[in-house]
All heavy atoms as atom14 arrays in JSON, in Angstrom:
{
  "sequence": "GAVQKALRAGRINANADKKIDADVADREWDVNTDASRIAVSAV",
  "atom14_mask": [
    [1, 1, 1, 1, 0, 0, 0, 0, 0, 0, 0, 0, 0, 0],
    [1, 1, 1, 1, 1, 0, 0, 0, 0, 0, 0, 0, 0, 0],
    [1, 1, 1, 1, 1, 1, 1, 0, 0, 0, 0, 0, 0, 0],
    [1, 1, 1, 1, 1, 1, 1, 1, 1, 0, 0, 0, 0, 0],
    [1, 1, 1, 1, 1, 1, 1, 1, 1, 0, 0, 0, 0, 0],
    [1, 1, 1, 1, 1, 0, 0, 0, 0, 0, 0, 0, 0, 0],
    [1, 1, 1, 1, 1, 1, 1, 1, 0, 0, 0, 0, 0, 0],
    [1, 1, 1, 1, 1, 1, 1, 1, 1, 1, 1, 0, 0, 0],
    [1, 1, 1, 1, 1, 0, 0, 0, 0, 0, 0, 0, 0, 0],
    [1, 1, 1, 1, 0, 0, 0, 0, 0, 0, 0, 0, 0, 0],
    [1, 1, 1, 1, 1, 1, 1, 1, 1, 1, 1, 0, 0, 0],
    [1, 1, 1, 1, 1, 1, 1, 1, 0, 0, 0, 0, 0, 0],
    [1, 1, 1, 1, 1, 1, 1, 1, 0, 0, 0, 0, 0, 0],
    [1, 1, 1, 1, 1, 0, 0, 0, 0, 0, 0, 0, 0, 0],
    [1, 1, 1, 1, 1, 1, 1, 1, 0, 0, 0, 0, 0, 0],
    [1, 1, 1, 1, 1, 0, 0, 0, 0, 0, 0, 0, 0, 0],
    [1, 1, 1, 1, 1, 1, 1, 1, 0, 0, 0, 0, 0, 0],
    [1, 1, 1, 1, 1, 1, 1, 1, 1, 0, 0, 0, 0, 0],
    [1, 1, 1, 1, 1, 1, 1, 1, 1, 0, 0, 0, 0, 0],
    [1, 1, 1, 1, 1, 1, 1, 1, 0, 0, 0, 0, 0, 0],
    [1, 1, 1, 1, 1, 1, 1, 1, 0, 0, 0, 0, 0, 0],
    [1, 1, 1, 1, 1, 0, 0, 0, 0, 0, 0, 0, 0, 0],
    [1, 1, 1, 1, 1, 1, 1, 1, 0, 0, 0, 0, 0, 0],
    [1, 1, 1, 1, 1, 1, 1, 0, 0, 0, 0, 0, 0, 0],
    [1, 1, 1, 1, 1, 0, 0, 0, 0, 0, 0, 0, 0, 0],
    [1, 1, 1, 1, 1, 1, 1, 1, 0, 0, 0, 0, 0, 0],
    [1, 1, 1, 1, 1, 1, 1, 1, 1, 1, 1, 0, 0, 0],
    [1, 1, 1, 1, 1, 1, 1, 1, 1, 0, 0, 0, 0, 0],
    [1, 1, 1, 1, 1, 1, 1, 1, 1, 1, 1, 1, 1, 1],
    [1, 1, 1, 1, 1, 1, 1, 1, 0, 0, 0, 0, 0, 0],
    [1, 1, 1, 1, 1, 1, 1, 0, 0, 0, 0, 0, 0, 0],
    [1, 1, 1, 1, 1, 1, 1, 1, 0, 0, 0, 0, 0, 0],
    [1, 1, 1, 1, 1, 1, 1, 0, 0, 0, 0, 0, 0, 0],
    [1, 1, 1, 1, 1, 1, 1, 1, 0, 0, 0, 0, 0, 0],
    [1, 1, 1, 1, 1, 0, 0, 0, 0, 0, 0, 0, 0, 0],
    [1, 1, 1, 1, 1, 1, 0, 0, 0, 0, 0, 0, 0, 0],
    [1, 1, 1, 1, 1, 1, 1, 1, 1, 1, 1, 0, 0, 0],
    [1, 1, 1, 1, 1, 1, 1, 1, 0, 0, 0, 0, 0, 0],
    [1, 1, 1, 1, 1, 0, 0, 0, 0, 0, 0, 0, 0, 0],
    [1, 1, 1, 1, 1, 1, 1, 0, 0, 0, 0, 0, 0, 0],
    [1, 1, 1, 1, 1, 1, 0, 0, 0, 0, 0, 0, 0, 0],
    [1, 1, 1, 1, 1, 0, 0, 0, 0, 0, 0, 0, 0, 0],
    [1, 1, 1, 1, 1, 1, 1, 0, 0, 0, 0, 0, 0, 0]
  ],
  "atom14_positions": [
    [[14.81, 5.81, 4.36], [15.3, 4.66, 5.12], [14.6, 4.37, 6.36], [14.38, 3.33, 6.74], [0.0, 0.0, 0.0], [0.0, 0.0, 0.0], [0.0, 0.0, 0.0], [0.0, 0.0, 0.0], [0.0, 0.0, 0.0], [0.0, 0.0, 0.0], [0.0, 0.0, 0.0], [0.0, 0.0, 0.0], [0.0, 0.0, 0.0], [0.0, 0.0, 0.0]],
    [[14.19, 5.57, 7.0], [13.47, 5.38, 8.33], [12.14, 4.86, 8.09], [11.57, 3.95, 8.87], [13.27, 6.81, 9.01], [0.0, 0.0, 0.0], [0.0, 0.0, 0.0], [0.0, 0.0, 0.0], [0.0, 0.0, 0.0], [0.0, 0.0, 0.0], [0.0, 0.0, 0.0], [0.0, 0.0, 0.0], [0.0, 0.0, 0.0], [0.0, 0.0, 0.0]],
    [[11.47, 5.12, 6.97], [10.17, 4.6, 6.62], [10.24, 3.12, 6.31], [9.55, 2.29, 6.79], [9.44, 5.35, 5.46], [8.14, 4.66, 4.93], [9.14, 6.71, 5.82], [0.0, 0.0, 0.0], [0.0, 0.0, 0.0], [0.0, 0.0, 0.0], [0.0, 0.0, 0.0], [0.0, 0.0, 0.0], [0.0, 0.0, 0.0], [0.0, 0.0, 0.0]],
    [[11.3, 2.82, 5.54], [11.54, 1.43, 5.12], [11.91, 0.45, 6.35], [11.35, -0.59, 6.45], [12.73, 1.31, 4.08], [12.28, 1.85, 2.77], [13.59, 2.09, 1.85], [14.71, 2.19, 2.27], [13.15, 2.04, 0.5], [0.0, 0.0, 0.0], [0.0, 0.0, 0.0], [0.0, 0.0, 0.0], [0.0, 0.0, 0.0], [0.0, 0.0, 0.0]],
    [[12.59, 1.06, 7.28], [12.97, 0.39, 8.47], [11.75, 0.13, 9.36], [11.55, -0.94, 9.95], [14.05, 1.17, 9.31], [14.61, 0.48, 10.52], [15.72, 1.34, 11.16], [16.25, 0.63, 12.28], [17.31, 1.39, 12.94], [0.0, 0.0, 0.0], [0.0, 0.0, 0.0], [0.0, 0.0, 0.0], [0.0, 0.0, 0.0], [0.0, 0.0, 0.0]],
    [[10.95, 1.13, 9.44], [9.58, 0.99, 10.25], [8.74, -0.08, 9.6], [8.06, -0.76, 10.28], [8.87, 2.38, 10.31], [0.0, 0.0, 0.0], [0.0, 0.0, 0.0], [0.0, 0.0, 0.0], [0.0, 0.0, 0.0], [0.0, 0.0, 0.0], [0.0, 0.0, 0.0], [0.0, 0.0, 0.0], [0.0, 0.0, 0.0], [0.0, 0.0, 0.0]],
    [[8.68, -0.12, 8.3], [7.89, -1.1, 7.63], [8.49, -2.53, 7.85], [7.73, -3.42, 8.2], [7.92, -0.86, 6.06], [6.97, 0.22, 5.58], [7.31, 0.61, 4.23], [5.48, -0.11, 5.76], [0.0, 0.0, 0.0], [0.0, 0.0, 0.0], [0.0, 0.0, 0.0], [0.0, 0.0, 0.0], [0.0, 0.0, 0.0], [0.0, 0.0, 0.0]],
    [[9.78, -2.69, 7.79], [10.42, -4.04, 8.0], [10.12, -4.48, 9.38], [9.95, -5.66, 9.83], [11.87, -3.94, 7.72], [12.2, -4.06, 6.27], [13.79, -4.27, 6.13], [14.59, -3.25, 6.74], [15.07, -2.06, 6.21], [14.71, -1.85, 5.01], [15.78, -1.26, 6.83], [0.0, 0.0, 0.0], [0.0, 0.0, 0.0], [0.0, 0.0, 0.0]],
    [[10.19, -3.56, 10.4], [10.04, -3.77, 11.94], [8.61, -4.04, 12.19], [8.35, -4.54, 13.26], [10.7, -2.68, 12.68], [0.0, 0.0, 0.0], [0.0, 0.0, 0.0], [0.0, 0.0, 0.0], [0.0, 0.0, 0.0], [0.0, 0.0, 0.0], [0.0, 0.0, 0.0], [0.0, 0.0, 0.0], [0.0, 0.0, 0.0], [0.0, 0.0, 0.0]],
    [[7.75, -3.66, 11.3], [6.25, -3.92, 11.59], [5.64, -2.71, 12.42], [4.5, -2.85, 12.93], [0.0, 0.0, 0.0], [0.0, 0.0, 0.0], [0.0, 0.0, 0.0], [0.0, 0.0, 0.0], [0.0, 0.0, 0.0], [0.0, 0.0, 0.0], [0.0, 0.0, 0.0], [0.0, 0.0, 0.0], [0.0, 0.0, 0.0], [0.0, 0.0, 0.0]],
    [[6.33, -1.6, 12.56], [5.89, -0.44, 13.33], [4.73, 0.23, 12.54], [3.85, 0.85, 13.13], [6.92, 0.48, 13.63], [7.87, -0.14, 14.77], [8.88, 1.01, 15.27], [9.88, 1.13, 14.26], [10.39, 2.35, 13.83], [9.75, 3.5, 14.29], [11.23, 2.51, 12.88], [0.0, 0.0, 0.0], [0.0, 0.0, 0.0], [0.0, 0.0, 0.0]],
    [[4.82, 0.16, 11.19], [3.68, 0.69, 10.37], [3.43, -0.33, 9.23], [4.36, -1.22, 9.09], [4.18, 2.15, 9.68], [5.33, 1.94, 8.84], [4.32, 3.25, 10.77], [5.69, 3.19, 8.0], [0.0, 0.0, 0.0], [0.0, 0.0, 0.0], [0.0, 0.0, 0.0], [0.0, 0.0, 0.0], [0.0, 0.0, 0.0], [0.0, 0.0, 0.0]],
    [[2.33, -0.19, 8.61], [2.0, -1.22, 7.65], [1.66, -0.49, 6.32], [1.16, 0.56, 6.29], [0.73, -2.02, 8.08], [1.09, -2.76, 9.29], [2.05, -3.6, 9.27], [0.38, -2.63, 10.41], [0.0, 0.0, 0.0], [0.0, 0.0, 0.0], [0.0, 0.0, 0.0], [0.0, 0.0, 0.0], [0.0, 0.0, 0.0], [0.0, 0.0, 0.0]],
    [[1.86, -1.14, 5.2], [1.51, -0.74, 3.89], [0.47, -1.73, 3.29], [0.36, -2.93, 3.65], [2.82, -0.59, 2.98], [0.0, 0.0, 0.0], [0.0, 0.0, 0.0], [0.0, 0.0, 0.0], [0.0, 0.0, 0.0], [0.0, 0.0, 0.0], [0.0, 0.0, 0.0], [0.0, 0.0, 0.0], [0.0, 0.0, 0.0], [0.0, 0.0, 0.0]],
    [[-0.34, -1.26, 2.29], [-1.28, -2.21, 1.74], [-0.63, -3.02, 0.58], [0.65, -2.8, 0.42], [-2.54, -1.39, 1.16], [-2.17, -0.44, 0.05], [-1.06, -0.52, -0.63], [-3.03, 0.54, -0.33], [0.0, 0.0, 0.0], [0.0, 0.0, 0.0], [0.0, 0.0, 0.0], [0.0, 0.0, 0.0], [0.0, 0.0, 0.0], [0.0, 0.0, 0.0]],
    [[-1.39, -3.84, -0.07], [-0.83, -4.74, -1.04], [-0.13, -4.0, -2.28], [0.79, -4.49, -2.85], [-1.91, -5.71, -1.59], [0.0, 0.0, 0.0], [0.0, 0.0, 0.0], [0.0, 0.0, 0.0], [0.0, 0.0, 0.0], [0.0, 0.0, 0.0], [0.0, 0.0, 0.0], [0.0, 0.0, 0.0], [0.0, 0.0, 0.0], [0.0, 0.0, 0.0]],
    [[-0.58, -2.76, -2.57], [-0.03, -2.01, -3.59], [1.2, -1.21, -3.2], [1.66, -0.26, -3.92], [-1.16, -0.95, -4.1], [-2.34, -1.7, -4.81], [-2.08, -2.81, -5.22], [-3.36, -1.14, -4.78], [0.0, 0.0, 0.0], [0.0, 0.0, 0.0], [0.0, 0.0, 0.0], [0.0, 0.0, 0.0], [0.0, 0.0, 0.0], [0.0, 0.0, 0.0]],
    [[1.68, -1.44, -1.98], [2.75, -0.79, -1.28], [2.56, 0.79, -1.19], [3.37, 1.54, -1.36], [4.1, -1.03, -2.13], [4.51, -2.45, -2.13], [5.86, -2.68, -2.69], [6.28, -4.13, -2.62], [7.66, -4.32, -2.89], [0.0, 0.0, 0.0], [0.0, 0.0, 0.0], [0.0, 0.0, 0.0], [0.0, 0.0, 0.0], [0.0, 0.0, 0.0]],
    [[1.3, 0.93, -0.73], [0.97, 2.35, -0.45], [0.69, 2.46, 0.99], [0.22, 1.49, 1.73], [-0.29, 2.82, -1.23], [-0.15, 2.79, -2.68], [0.75, 4.02, -3.05], [0.88, 4.11, -4.62], [1.74, 5.08, -5.08], [0.0, 0.0, 0.0], [0.0, 0.0, 0.0], [0.0, 0.0, 0.0], [0.0, 0.0, 0.0], [0.0, 0.0, 0.0]],
    [[0.91, 3.63, 1.64], [0.75, 3.82, 3.06], [-0.43, 4.77, 3.31], [-0.48, 5.85, 2.72], [2.05, 4.32, 3.68], [3.17, 3.38, 3.44], [1.86, 4.67, 5.17], [4.55, 3.96, 3.88], [0.0, 0.0, 0.0], [0.0, 0.0, 0.0], [0.0, 0.0, 0.0], [0.0, 0.0, 0.0], [0.0, 0.0, 0.0], [0.0, 0.0, 0.0]],
    [[-1.3, 4.36, 4.18], [-2.43, 5.21, 4.62], [-1.83, 6.17, 5.67], [-1.44, 5.67, 6.75], [-3.54, 4.44, 5.26], [-4.71, 5.26, 5.62], [-4.57, 6.56, 5.72], [-5.84, 4.79, 5.87], [0.0, 0.0, 0.0], [0.0, 0.0, 0.0], [0.0, 0.0, 0.0], [0.0, 0.0, 0.0], [0.0, 0.0, 0.0], [0.0, 0.0, 0.0]],
    [[-1.69, 7.38, 5.46], [-0.94, 8.34, 6.27], [-1.55, 8.44, 7.63], [-0.7, 8.5, 8.67], [-0.85, 9.71, 5.62], [0.0, 0.0, 0.0], [0.0, 0.0, 0.0], [0.0, 0.0, 0.0], [0.0, 0.0, 0.0], [0.0, 0.0, 0.0], [0.0, 0.0, 0.0], [0.0, 0.0, 0.0], [0.0, 0.0, 0.0], [0.0, 0.0, 0.0]],
    [[-2.83, 8.57, 7.71], [-3.47, 8.7, 9.05], [-3.23, 7.5, 9.9], [-2.82, 7.64, 11.11], [-5.0, 9.06, 8.89], [-5.27, 10.26, 8.21], [-4.49, 11.17, 8.34], [-6.26, 10.32, 7.44], [0.0, 0.0, 0.0], [0.0, 0.0, 0.0], [0.0, 0.0, 0.0], [0.0, 0.0, 0.0], [0.0, 0.0, 0.0], [0.0, 0.0, 0.0]],
    [[-3.38, 6.35, 9.36], [-3.12, 5.13, 10.07], [-1.74, 4.93, 10.48], [-1.4, 4.6, 11.66], [-3.73, 3.86, 9.36], [-3.38, 2.48, 10.0], [-5.2, 3.98, 9.16], [0.0, 0.0, 0.0], [0.0, 0.0, 0.0], [0.0, 0.0, 0.0], [0.0, 0.0, 0.0], [0.0, 0.0, 0.0], [0.0, 0.0, 0.0], [0.0, 0.0, 0.0]],
    [[-0.86, 5.17, 9.52], [0.57, 5.0, 9.73], [1.09, 6.0, 10.8], [1.96, 5.66, 11.55], [1.33, 5.27, 8.53], [0.0, 0.0, 0.0], [0.0, 0.0, 0.0], [0.0, 0.0, 0.0], [0.0, 0.0, 0.0], [0.0, 0.0, 0.0], [0.0, 0.0, 0.0], [0.0, 0.0, 0.0], [0.0, 0.0, 0.0], [0.0, 0.0, 0.0]],
    [[0.57, 7.22, 10.91], [0.98, 8.18, 11.84], [0.66, 7.68, 13.19], [1.39, 7.76, 14.24], [0.27, 9.47, 11.63], [0.88, 10.34, 10.46], [2.01, 10.05, 10.06], [0.29, 11.25, 9.99], [0.0, 0.0, 0.0], [0.0, 0.0, 0.0], [0.0, 0.0, 0.0], [0.0, 0.0, 0.0], [0.0, 0.0, 0.0], [0.0, 0.0, 0.0]],
    [[-0.61, 7.11, 13.35], [-0.94, 6.64, 14.74], [-0.09, 5.35, 15.14], [0.38, 5.19, 16.2], [-2.46, 6.17, 14.65], [-3.34, 7.37, 14.82], [-4.84, 6.96, 15.17], [-5.43, 6.06, 14.05], [-5.93, 6.56, 12.9], [-5.93, 7.82, 12.7], [-6.38, 5.65, 12.01], [0.0, 0.0, 0.0], [0.0, 0.0, 0.0], [0.0, 0.0, 0.0]],
    [[0.1, 4.45, 14.08], [0.93, 3.31, 14.31], [2.46, 3.78, 14.74], [3.06, 3.16, 15.61], [1.04, 2.39, 13.1], [-0.27, 1.69, 12.9], [-0.23, 0.94, 11.52], [0.65, 1.14, 10.64], [-1.07, -0.03, 11.36], [0.0, 0.0, 0.0], [0.0, 0.0, 0.0], [0.0, 0.0, 0.0], [0.0, 0.0, 0.0], [0.0, 0.0, 0.0]],
    [[2.9, 4.74, 13.98], [4.31, 5.2, 14.21], [4.45, 5.67, 15.63], [5.42, 5.38, 16.26], [4.62, 6.28, 13.23], [6.0, 6.79, 13.2], [6.65, 7.43, 14.18], [6.97, 6.51, 12.23], [7.98, 7.68, 13.85], [8.24, 7.14, 12.54], [6.92, 6.0, 10.95], [9.36, 7.12, 11.7], [8.06, 5.96, 10.13], [9.25, 6.52, 10.51]],
    [[3.46, 6.5, 16.1], [3.55, 7.12, 17.42], [3.46, 6.03, 18.5], [4.12, 6.1, 19.5], [2.42, 8.16, 17.62], [2.67, 9.39, 16.8], [3.86, 9.72, 16.47], [1.65, 10.06, 16.47], [0.0, 0.0, 0.0], [0.0, 0.0, 0.0], [0.0, 0.0, 0.0], [0.0, 0.0, 0.0], [0.0, 0.0, 0.0], [0.0, 0.0, 0.0]],
    [[2.53, 5.11, 18.33], [2.34, 4.01, 19.35], [3.45, 3.01, 19.28], [3.9, 2.61, 20.47], [0.99, 3.27, 19.02], [0.87, 2.08, 19.91], [-0.23, 4.18, 19.2], [0.0, 0.0, 0.0], [0.0, 0.0, 0.0], [0.0, 0.0, 0.0], [0.0, 0.0, 0.0], [0.0, 0.0, 0.0], [0.0, 0.0, 0.0], [0.0, 0.0, 0.0]],
    [[4.07, 2.72, 18.21], [5.02, 1.59, 18.08], [6.46, 2.05, 18.14], [7.35, 1.25, 17.98], [4.78, 0.83, 16.86], [3.44, 0.09, 16.88], [2.93, -0.39, 17.91], [2.82, -0.05, 15.69], [0.0, 0.0, 0.0], [0.0, 0.0, 0.0], [0.0, 0.0, 0.0], [0.0, 0.0, 0.0], [0.0, 0.0, 0.0], [0.0, 0.0, 0.0]],
    [[6.66, 3.34, 18.33], [8.05, 3.88, 18.29], [8.61, 4.08, 19.71], [7.89, 4.76, 20.53], [8.19, 5.16, 17.48], [7.73, 4.9, 16.12], [9.65, 5.72, 17.5], [0.0, 0.0, 0.0], [0.0, 0.0, 0.0], [0.0, 0.0, 0.0], [0.0, 0.0, 0.0], [0.0, 0.0, 0.0], [0.0, 0.0, 0.0], [0.0, 0.0, 0.0]],
    [[9.79, 3.54, 20.02], [10.33, 3.7, 21.45], [11.0, 4.97, 21.41], [11.88, 5.42, 20.77], [11.33, 2.58, 21.54], [12.02, 2.67, 22.93], [11.6, 3.54, 23.72], [12.94, 1.87, 23.14], [0.0, 0.0, 0.0], [0.0, 0.0, 0.0], [0.0, 0.0, 0.0], [0.0, 0.0, 0.0], [0.0, 0.0, 0.0], [0.0, 0.0, 0.0]],
    [[10.47, 5.94, 22.34], [10.97, 7.33, 22.38], [12.43, 7.43, 22.68], [13.19, 8.33, 22.34], [10.13, 8.13, 23.43], [0.0, 0.0, 0.0], [0.0, 0.0, 0.0], [0.0, 0.0, 0.0], [0.0, 0.0, 0.0], [0.0, 0.0, 0.0], [0.0, 0.0, 0.0], [0.0, 0.0, 0.0], [0.0, 0.0, 0.0], [0.0, 0.0, 0.0]],
    [[12.94, 6.35, 23.45], [14.36, 6.37, 23.77], [15.38, 6.16, 22.63], [16.48, 6.41, 22.7], [14.65, 5.39, 24.9], [14.5, 4.1, 24.38], [0.0, 0.0, 0.0], [0.0, 0.0, 0.0], [0.0, 0.0, 0.0], [0.0, 0.0, 0.0], [0.0, 0.0, 0.0], [0.0, 0.0, 0.0], [0.0, 0.0, 0.0], [0.0, 0.0, 0.0]],
    [[14.77, 5.68, 21.51], [15.59, 5.41, 20.35], [15.46, 6.42, 19.27], [16.02, 6.28, 18.15], [15.24, 4.0, 19.86], [15.43, 3.02, 20.92], [15.57, 1.64, 20.42], [16.72, 1.55, 19.53], [16.97, 0.53, 18.89], [16.31, -0.57, 19.04], [17.98, 0.51, 18.0], [0.0, 0.0, 0.0], [0.0, 0.0, 0.0], [0.0, 0.0, 0.0]],
    [[14.71, 7.59, 19.47], [14.63, 8.53, 18.49], [15.84, 9.47, 18.5], [16.38, 9.94, 19.5], [13.35, 9.48, 18.85], [12.02, 8.65, 18.74], [13.3, 10.55, 17.82], [10.9, 9.43, 19.11], [0.0, 0.0, 0.0], [0.0, 0.0, 0.0], [0.0, 0.0, 0.0], [0.0, 0.0, 0.0], [0.0, 0.0, 0.0], [0.0, 0.0, 0.0]],
    [[16.35, 9.7, 17.3], [17.54, 10.53, 17.14], [17.05, 11.98, 17.3], [16.02, 12.46, 16.88], [18.15, 10.39, 15.74], [0.0, 0.0, 0.0], [0.0, 0.0, 0.0], [0.0, 0.0, 0.0], [0.0, 0.0, 0.0], [0.0, 0.0, 0.0], [0.0, 0.0, 0.0], [0.0, 0.0, 0.0], [0.0, 0.0, 0.0], [0.0, 0.0, 0.0]],
    [[17.92, 12.72, 18.14], [17.57, 14.14, 18.42], [18.61, 14.98, 17.83], [19.84, 14.64, 17.95], [17.51, 14.29, 20.0], [17.22, 15.72, 20.33], [16.53, 13.38, 20.61], [0.0, 0.0, 0.0], [0.0, 0.0, 0.0], [0.0, 0.0, 0.0], [0.0, 0.0, 0.0], [0.0, 0.0, 0.0], [0.0, 0.0, 0.0], [0.0, 0.0, 0.0]],
    [[18.21, 16.11, 17.25], [19.16, 17.09, 16.69], [19.79, 17.94, 17.77], [19.0, 18.64, 18.5], [18.43, 17.94, 15.6], [17.88, 17.09, 14.65], [0.0, 0.0, 0.0], [0.0, 0.0, 0.0], [0.0, 0.0, 0.0], [0.0, 0.0, 0.0], [0.0, 0.0, 0.0], [0.0, 0.0, 0.0], [0.0, 0.0, 0.0], [0.0, 0.0, 0.0]],
    [[21.09, 17.88, 17.94], [21.67, 18.66, 18.92], [21.97, 20.15, 18.34], [22.12, 20.16, 17.14], [23.06, 18.02, 19.39], [0.0, 0.0, 0.0], [0.0, 0.0, 0.0], [0.0, 0.0, 0.0], [0.0, 0.0, 0.0], [0.0, 0.0, 0.0], [0.0, 0.0, 0.0], [0.0, 0.0, 0.0], [0.0, 0.0, 0.0], [0.0, 0.0, 0.0]],
    [[21.96, 21.08, 19.25], [22.21, 22.4, 18.8], [23.69, 22.54, 18.38], [24.54, 22.01, 19.01], [21.99, 23.45, 19.95], [22.36, 24.82, 19.54], [20.45, 23.45, 20.35], [0.0, 0.0, 0.0], [0.0, 0.0, 0.0], [0.0, 0.0, 0.0], [0.0, 0.0, 0.0], [0.0, 0.0, 0.0], [0.0, 0.0, 0.0], [0.0, 0.0, 0.0]]
  ]
}
């Protein structure tokens, strides 16, 4: 669901075959993700 949400929001991109280039998507994910909205696991 997090990957699908990132695709819908345009934070990462997939090609026409609906495949994701992991290296490119990792960079896009890091650049386009707001750190204040990341869910953190509490102890």
